Amino acid sequence: MYALVESGTITKYFNNPQGFTLGDNQYPADIFTKWSVEEKEAIGIYEVVFDNSNKKDEQWYINTNQSFAFADGTVTASYGTATPKAHADVTETRNGVEHTTPGLKTNLIKSLKINVANELAETDWYVIRNTEKSTAIPSSISTHRDAVRTKQAEMETAIINASDTPALETLHTYVNTGTEESPVMTRPLGELPKLEL
């Protein structure tokens, strides 16, 4: 991405190389690829430098739009301070009617319940067969299903007890608890048990 700077002010942006007119001169699109940095800057064309230091994970935060600035011979695109998404449900009254917008906790627990249902669905047939034919459920299957429900309860408690959005993010952030040669990626929230066949 490039910007046209005239008299110290950004006047135009170029997302893709394109021809343009500047003053009495018509410039072809290929100046963006064929001209040197110095040649482009001599007519006011600067490549935009992206500063993502304030950009945060959009699962947890609402980022600002990028703002562009020209200073010290550089055009920079940067983000403002990100706003954490609501970690708890937000209820508002509009036109005399209450509306509740689910917060991150509600959405994360809903997602967890879907994952639990999917994990249990893999062994539901044992339960159905037991109900229909009185065929015993193998102990390994019962143990696994109980372990999934136990871990679900632990995970839901951790999500509910998270005090704010950064705490929820930390619960879900994977870190290497192994070595650089043998990485082991884990997160504080943990994982649902998987059935070993």
C-alpha atoms as a PDB file:
ATOM      1  CA  MET A   1       0.000   0.000   0.000  1.00  0.00           C
ATOM      2  CA  TYR A   2       1.208   3.480  -0.858  1.00  0.00           C
ATOM      3  CA  ALA A   3       0.195   7.007   0.031  1.00  0.00           C
ATOM      4  CA  LEU A   4       0.595  10.262  -1.839  1.00  0.00           C
ATOM      5  CA  VAL A   5       1.936  13.028   0.381  1.00  0.00           C
ATOM      6  CA  GLU A   6       1.594  16.636  -0.744  1.00  0.00           C
ATOM      7  CA  SER A   7       2.928  19.497   1.373  1.00  0.00           C
ATOM      8  CA  GLY A   8       3.267  17.163   4.366  1.00  0.00           C
ATOM      9  CA  THR A   9      -0.337  15.908   4.130  1.00  0.00           C
ATOM     10  CA  ILE A  10      -1.575  12.525   2.917  1.00  0.00           C
ATOM     11  CA  THR A  11      -3.941  13.218   0.028  1.00  0.00           C
ATOM     12  CA  LYS A  12      -4.466   9.801  -1.563  1.00  0.00           C
ATOM     13  CA  TYR A  13      -3.997   6.088  -0.951  1.00  0.00           C
ATOM     14  CA  PHE A  14      -3.084   3.354  -3.415  1.00  0.00           C
ATOM     15  CA  ASN A  15      -4.076  -0.174  -2.353  1.00  0.00           C
ATOM     16  CA  ASN A  16      -2.887  -1.518  -5.704  1.00  0.00           C
ATOM     17  CA  PRO A  17      -0.550  -0.094  -8.334  1.00  0.00           C
ATOM     18  CA  GLN A  18      -2.517   2.193 -10.628  1.00  0.00           C
ATOM     19  CA  GLY A  19      -1.902   5.091 -12.935  1.00  0.00           C
ATOM     20  CA  PHE A  20      -2.543   8.564 -11.553  1.00  0.00           C
ATOM     21  CA  THR A  21      -2.251  12.238 -12.373  1.00  0.00           C
ATOM     22  CA  LEU A  22      -0.185  14.576 -10.254  1.00  0.00           C
ATOM     23  CA  GLY A  23      -0.197  18.196 -11.297  1.00  0.00           C
ATOM     24  CA  ASP A  24       0.339  18.256 -15.061  1.00  0.00           C
ATOM     25  CA  ASN A  25       1.979  14.824 -15.113  1.00  0.00           C
ATOM     26  CA  GLN A  26       0.373  11.451 -15.825  1.00  0.00           C
ATOM     27  CA  TYR A  27       2.169   8.512 -14.145  1.00  0.00           C
ATOM     28  CA  PRO A  28       1.701   4.859 -15.186  1.00  0.00           C
ATOM     29  CA  ALA A  29       0.981   2.070 -12.683  1.00  0.00           C
ATOM     30  CA  ASP A  30       4.384   0.497 -13.204  1.00  0.00           C
ATOM     31  CA  ILE A  31       6.197   3.270 -11.315  1.00  0.00           C
ATOM     32  CA  PHE A  32       5.209   1.398  -8.150  1.00  0.00           C
ATOM     33  CA  THR A  33       7.293  -1.599  -9.182  1.00  0.00           C
ATOM     34  CA  LYS A  34       9.962  -0.094 -11.442  1.00  0.00           C
ATOM     35  CA  TRP A  35      10.937   3.096  -9.675  1.00  0.00           C
ATOM     36  CA  SER A  36      13.325   3.157  -6.748  1.00  0.00           C
ATOM     37  CA  VAL A  37      12.149   4.239  -3.296  1.00  0.00           C
ATOM     38  CA  GLU A  38      13.959   7.549  -3.761  1.00  0.00           C
ATOM     39  CA  GLU A  39      12.313   8.205  -7.136  1.00  0.00           C
ATOM     40  CA  LYS A  40       8.840   7.535  -5.758  1.00  0.00           C
ATOM     41  CA  GLU A  41       9.390   9.635  -2.658  1.00  0.00           C
ATOM     42  CA  ALA A  42      10.706  12.503  -4.823  1.00  0.00           C
ATOM     43  CA  ILE A  43       7.178  12.897  -6.238  1.00  0.00           C
ATOM     44  CA  GLY A  44       5.482  12.210  -2.889  1.00  0.00           C
ATOM     45  CA  ILE A  45       4.731   8.488  -3.135  1.00  0.00           C
ATOM     46  CA  TYR A  46       5.542   6.674   0.131  1.00  0.00           C
ATOM     47  CA  GLU A  47       5.090   3.019   0.976  1.00  0.00           C
ATOM     48  CA  VAL A  48       2.888   2.669   4.054  1.00  0.00           C
ATOM     49  CA  VAL A  49       4.537   1.108   7.111  1.00  0.00           C
ATOM     50  CA  PHE A  50       2.058  -0.895   9.199  1.00  0.00           C
ATOM     51  CA  ASP A  51       2.364  -0.627  12.975  1.00  0.00           C
ATOM     52  CA  ASN A  52       0.324  -3.446  14.504  1.00  0.00           C
ATOM     53  CA  SER A  53       1.642  -3.017  18.048  1.00  0.00           C
ATOM     54  CA  ASN A  54      -1.809  -1.999  19.349  1.00  0.00           C
ATOM     55  CA  LYS A  55      -3.719  -4.591  17.326  1.00  0.00           C
ATOM     56  CA  LYS A  56      -5.188  -7.344  19.475  1.00  0.00           C
ATOM     57  CA  ASP A  57      -6.822 -10.707  18.826  1.00  0.00           C
ATOM     58  CA  GLU A  58     -10.278 -10.003  17.424  1.00  0.00           C
ATOM     59  CA  GLN A  59     -11.743 -12.972  19.273  1.00  0.00           C
ATOM     60  CA  TRP A  60     -11.322 -10.964  22.473  1.00  0.00           C
ATOM     61  CA  TYR A  61     -11.054  -7.299  21.435  1.00  0.00           C
ATOM     62  CA  ILE A  62     -12.586  -4.703  19.154  1.00  0.00           C
ATOM     63  CA  ASN A  63      -9.776  -2.960  17.293  1.00  0.00           C
ATOM     64  CA  THR A  64     -10.029   0.611  16.117  1.00  0.00           C
ATOM     65  CA  ASN A  65      -9.785   1.486  12.457  1.00  0.00           C
ATOM     66  CA  GLN A  66      -6.260   2.213  11.320  1.00  0.00           C
ATOM     67  CA  SER A  67      -5.211   5.836  11.268  1.00  0.00           C
ATOM     68  CA  PHE A  68      -2.566   7.129   8.899  1.00  0.00           C
ATOM     69  CA  ALA A  69       0.083   9.704   9.672  1.00  0.00           C
ATOM     70  CA  PHE A  70       3.067  11.194   7.874  1.00  0.00           C
ATOM     71  CA  ALA A  71       6.098  12.138   9.971  1.00  0.00           C
ATOM     72  CA  ASP A  72       9.871  12.079   9.526  1.00  0.00           C
ATOM     73  CA  GLY A  73       9.580  10.904   5.924  1.00  0.00           C
ATOM     74  CA  THR A  74       7.422   7.881   6.783  1.00  0.00           C
ATOM     75  CA  VAL A  75       3.722   7.129   6.325  1.00  0.00           C
ATOM     76  CA  THR A  76       2.516   4.920   9.181  1.00  0.00           C
ATOM     77  CA  ALA A  77      -0.781   3.071   9.575  1.00  0.00           C
ATOM     78  CA  SER A  78      -1.483   2.286  13.218  1.00  0.00           C
ATOM     79  CA  TYR A  79      -4.277   1.162  15.503  1.00  0.00           C
ATOM     80  CA  GLY A  80      -5.581   2.963  18.554  1.00  0.00           C
ATOM     81  CA  THR A  81      -6.238   1.261  21.875  1.00  0.00           C
ATOM     82  CA  ALA A  82      -8.364  -1.869  21.457  1.00  0.00           C
ATOM     83  CA  THR A  83     -11.524  -2.280  23.526  1.00  0.00           C
ATOM     84  CA  PRO A  84     -12.095  -5.617  25.281  1.00  0.00           C
ATOM     85  CA  LYS A  85     -15.306  -7.348  24.229  1.00  0.00           C
ATOM     86  CA  ALA A  86     -17.873  -7.713  27.001  1.00  0.00           C
ATOM     87  CA  HIS A  87     -17.037 -10.791  29.048  1.00  0.00           C
ATOM     88  CA  ALA A  88     -20.477 -10.894  30.707  1.00  0.00           C
ATOM     89  CA  ASP A  89     -23.926 -10.604  29.150  1.00  0.00           C
ATOM     90  CA  VAL A  90     -25.120  -7.044  28.549  1.00  0.00           C
ATOM     91  CA  THR A  91     -28.814  -6.221  29.018  1.00  0.00           C
ATOM     92  CA  GLU A  92     -30.229  -3.017  27.563  1.00  0.00           C
ATOM     93  CA  THR A  93     -33.719  -1.611  27.418  1.00  0.00           C
ATOM     94  CA  ARG A  94     -34.727  -0.370  23.987  1.00  0.00           C
ATOM     95  CA  ASN A  95     -38.210   0.958  23.347  1.00  0.00           C
ATOM     96  CA  GLY A  96     -39.332  -0.462  26.680  1.00  0.00           C
ATOM     97  CA  VAL A  97     -38.116  -3.989  25.867  1.00  0.00           C
ATOM     98  CA  GLU A  98     -35.113  -5.652  27.462  1.00  0.00           C
ATOM     99  CA  HIS A  99     -32.534  -7.059  25.034  1.00  0.00           C
ATOM    100  CA  THR A 100     -29.637  -9.214  26.207  1.00  0.00           C
ATOM    101  CA  THR A 101     -26.469  -9.510  24.168  1.00  0.00           C
ATOM    102  CA  PRO A 102     -24.473 -12.608  25.104  1.00  0.00           C
ATOM    103  CA  GLY A 103     -20.999 -11.878  26.433  1.00  0.00           C
ATOM    104  CA  LEU A 104     -17.863 -13.904  25.833  1.00  0.00           C
ATOM    105  CA  LYS A 105     -18.538 -16.204  28.802  1.00  0.00           C
ATOM    106  CA  THR A 106     -21.942 -17.234  27.453  1.00  0.00           C
ATOM    107  CA  ASN A 107     -20.567 -17.799  23.956  1.00  0.00           C
ATOM    108  CA  LEU A 108     -17.547 -19.756  25.197  1.00  0.00           C
ATOM    109  CA  ILE A 109     -19.707 -22.048  27.348  1.00  0.00           C
ATOM    110  CA  LYS A 110     -22.096 -22.573  24.435  1.00  0.00           C
ATOM    111  CA  SER A 111     -19.136 -23.542  22.217  1.00  0.00           C
ATOM    112  CA  LEU A 112     -17.813 -25.863  24.930  1.00  0.00           C
ATOM    113  CA  LYS A 113     -21.196 -27.602  25.202  1.00  0.00           C
ATOM    114  CA  ILE A 114     -21.187 -28.183  21.424  1.00  0.00           C
ATOM    115  CA  ASN A 115     -17.691 -29.694  21.642  1.00  0.00           C
ATOM    116  CA  VAL A 116     -18.779 -31.929  24.523  1.00  0.00           C
ATOM    117  CA  ALA A 117     -21.855 -33.076  22.600  1.00  0.00           C
ATOM    118  CA  ASN A 118     -19.679 -33.909  19.589  1.00  0.00           C
ATOM    119  CA  GLU A 119     -17.222 -35.862  21.728  1.00  0.00           C
ATOM    120  CA  LEU A 120     -19.979 -37.830  23.464  1.00  0.00           C
ATOM    121  CA  ALA A 121     -21.795 -38.447  20.167  1.00  0.00           C
ATOM    122  CA  GLU A 122     -18.921 -40.701  19.107  1.00  0.00           C
ATOM    123  CA  THR A 123     -19.850 -43.181  21.841  1.00  0.00           C
ATOM    124  CA  ASP A 124     -23.607 -42.572  22.077  1.00  0.00           C
ATOM    125  CA  TRP A 125     -24.212 -45.780  20.156  1.00  0.00           C
ATOM    126  CA  TYR A 126     -22.947 -47.775  23.145  1.00  0.00           C
ATOM    127  CA  VAL A 127     -25.619 -46.156  25.304  1.00  0.00           C
ATOM    128  CA  ILE A 128     -28.312 -46.719  22.666  1.00  0.00           C
ATOM    129  CA  ARG A 129     -27.303 -50.366  22.271  1.00  0.00           C
ATOM    130  CA  ASN A 130     -27.401 -50.800  26.035  1.00  0.00           C
ATOM    131  CA  THR A 131     -30.899 -49.305  26.175  1.00  0.00           C
ATOM    132  CA  GLU A 132     -32.243 -51.324  23.280  1.00  0.00           C
ATOM    133  CA  LYS A 133     -30.438 -54.638  23.730  1.00  0.00           C
ATOM    134  CA  SER A 134     -29.167 -54.547  27.327  1.00  0.00           C
ATOM    135  CA  THR A 135     -25.613 -54.968  26.009  1.00  0.00           C
ATOM    136  CA  ALA A 136     -23.140 -53.810  28.629  1.00  0.00           C
ATOM    137  CA  ILE A 137     -21.272 -50.581  27.976  1.00  0.00           C
ATOM    138  CA  PRO A 138     -17.506 -51.246  28.154  1.00  0.00           C
ATOM    139  CA  SER A 139     -15.976 -49.731  31.267  1.00  0.00           C
ATOM    140  CA  SER A 140     -13.456 -47.747  29.164  1.00  0.00           C
ATOM    141  CA  ILE A 141     -16.364 -46.038  27.385  1.00  0.00           C
ATOM    142  CA  SER A 142     -18.179 -45.205  30.619  1.00  0.00           C
ATOM    143  CA  THR A 143     -14.934 -43.924  32.127  1.00  0.00           C
ATOM    144  CA  HIS A 144     -14.301 -41.735  29.098  1.00  0.00           C
ATOM    145  CA  ARG A 145     -17.817 -40.283  29.085  1.00  0.00           C
ATOM    146  CA  ASP A 146     -17.569 -39.490  32.802  1.00  0.00           C
ATOM    147  CA  ALA A 147     -14.148 -37.871  32.273  1.00  0.00           C
ATOM    148  CA  VAL A 148     -15.557 -35.654  29.502  1.00  0.00           C
ATOM    149  CA  ARG A 149     -18.384 -34.451  31.748  1.00  0.00           C
ATOM    150  CA  THR A 150     -16.005 -33.866  34.672  1.00  0.00           C
ATOM    151  CA  LYS A 151     -13.637 -31.826  32.486  1.00  0.00           C
ATOM    152  CA  GLN A 152     -16.584 -29.899  31.055  1.00  0.00           C
ATOM    153  CA  ALA A 153     -17.630 -28.882  34.575  1.00  0.00           C
ATOM    154  CA  GLU A 154     -14.059 -27.773  35.399  1.00  0.00           C
ATOM    155  CA  MET A 155     -13.808 -25.756  32.184  1.00  0.00           C
ATOM    156  CA  GLU A 156     -17.178 -24.083  32.682  1.00  0.00           C
ATOM    157  CA  THR A 157     -16.208 -23.122  36.243  1.00  0.00           C
ATOM    158  CA  ALA A 158     -12.925 -21.617  35.024  1.00  0.00           C
ATOM    159  CA  ILE A 159     -14.762 -19.604  32.349  1.00  0.00           C
ATOM    160  CA  ILE A 160     -17.435 -18.393  34.794  1.00  0.00           C
ATOM    161  CA  ASN A 161     -14.792 -17.400  37.376  1.00  0.00           C
ATOM    162  CA  ALA A 162     -12.697 -15.391  34.884  1.00  0.00           C
ATOM    163  CA  SER A 163     -12.844 -11.798  36.113  1.00  0.00           C
ATOM    164  CA  ASP A 164     -12.523 -10.031  32.768  1.00  0.00           C
ATOM    165  CA  THR A 165     -11.767 -10.409  29.072  1.00  0.00           C
ATOM    166  CA  PRO A 166      -7.951 -10.624  29.470  1.00  0.00           C
ATOM    167  CA  ALA A 167      -8.483 -13.462  31.983  1.00  0.00           C
ATOM    168  CA  LEU A 168     -10.652 -15.324  29.453  1.00  0.00           C
ATOM    169  CA  GLU A 169      -8.001 -14.791  26.793  1.00  0.00           C
ATOM    170  CA  THR A 170      -5.305 -16.164  29.114  1.00  0.00           C
ATOM    171  CA  LEU A 171      -7.386 -19.295  29.789  1.00  0.00           C
ATOM    172  CA  HIS A 172      -7.526 -19.996  26.052  1.00  0.00           C
ATOM    173  CA  THR A 173      -3.959 -19.005  25.081  1.00  0.00           C
ATOM    174  CA  TYR A 174      -1.639 -21.858  24.182  1.00  0.00           C
ATOM    175  CA  VAL A 175       1.907 -21.726  25.528  1.00  0.00           C
ATOM    176  CA  ASN A 176       4.834 -24.077  25.088  1.00  0.00           C
ATOM    177  CA  THR A 177       5.312 -26.046  28.310  1.00  0.00           C
ATOM    178  CA  GLY A 178       7.907 -28.282  26.663  1.00  0.00           C
ATOM    179  CA  THR A 179      11.190 -27.327  25.075  1.00  0.00           C
ATOM    180  CA  GLU A 180      12.003 -25.632  21.809  1.00  0.00           C
ATOM    181  CA  GLU A 181      13.115 -28.982  20.381  1.00  0.00           C
ATOM    182  CA  SER A 182      10.088 -30.862  21.733  1.00  0.00           C
ATOM    183  CA  PRO A 183       7.292 -28.319  22.098  1.00  0.00           C
ATOM    184  CA  VAL A 184       4.199 -29.174  24.130  1.00  0.00           C
ATOM    185  CA  MET A 185       1.442 -26.646  23.529  1.00  0.00           C
ATOM    186  CA  THR A 186      -1.052 -26.366  26.387  1.00  0.00           C
ATOM    187  CA  ARG A 187      -3.499 -23.802  27.677  1.00  0.00           C
ATOM    188  CA  PRO A 188      -4.642 -23.139  31.256  1.00  0.00           C
ATOM    189  CA  LEU A 189      -8.222 -24.153  30.390  1.00  0.00           C
ATOM    190  CA  GLY A 190      -7.045 -27.590  29.297  1.00  0.00           C
ATOM    191  CA  GLU A 191      -8.712 -29.865  26.747  1.00  0.00           C
ATOM    192  CA  LEU A 192     -11.585 -32.300  26.682  1.00  0.00           C
ATOM    193  CA  PRO A 193     -10.404 -35.892  26.975  1.00  0.00           C
ATOM    194  CA  LYS A 194     -10.271 -37.800  23.702  1.00  0.00           C
ATOM    195  CA  LEU A 195     -11.173 -41.452  23.448  1.00  0.00           C
ATOM    196  CA  GLU A 196      -8.131 -43.649  22.905  1.00  0.00           C
ATOM    197  CA  LEU A 197      -9.128 -46.542  20.670  1.00  0.00           C
END
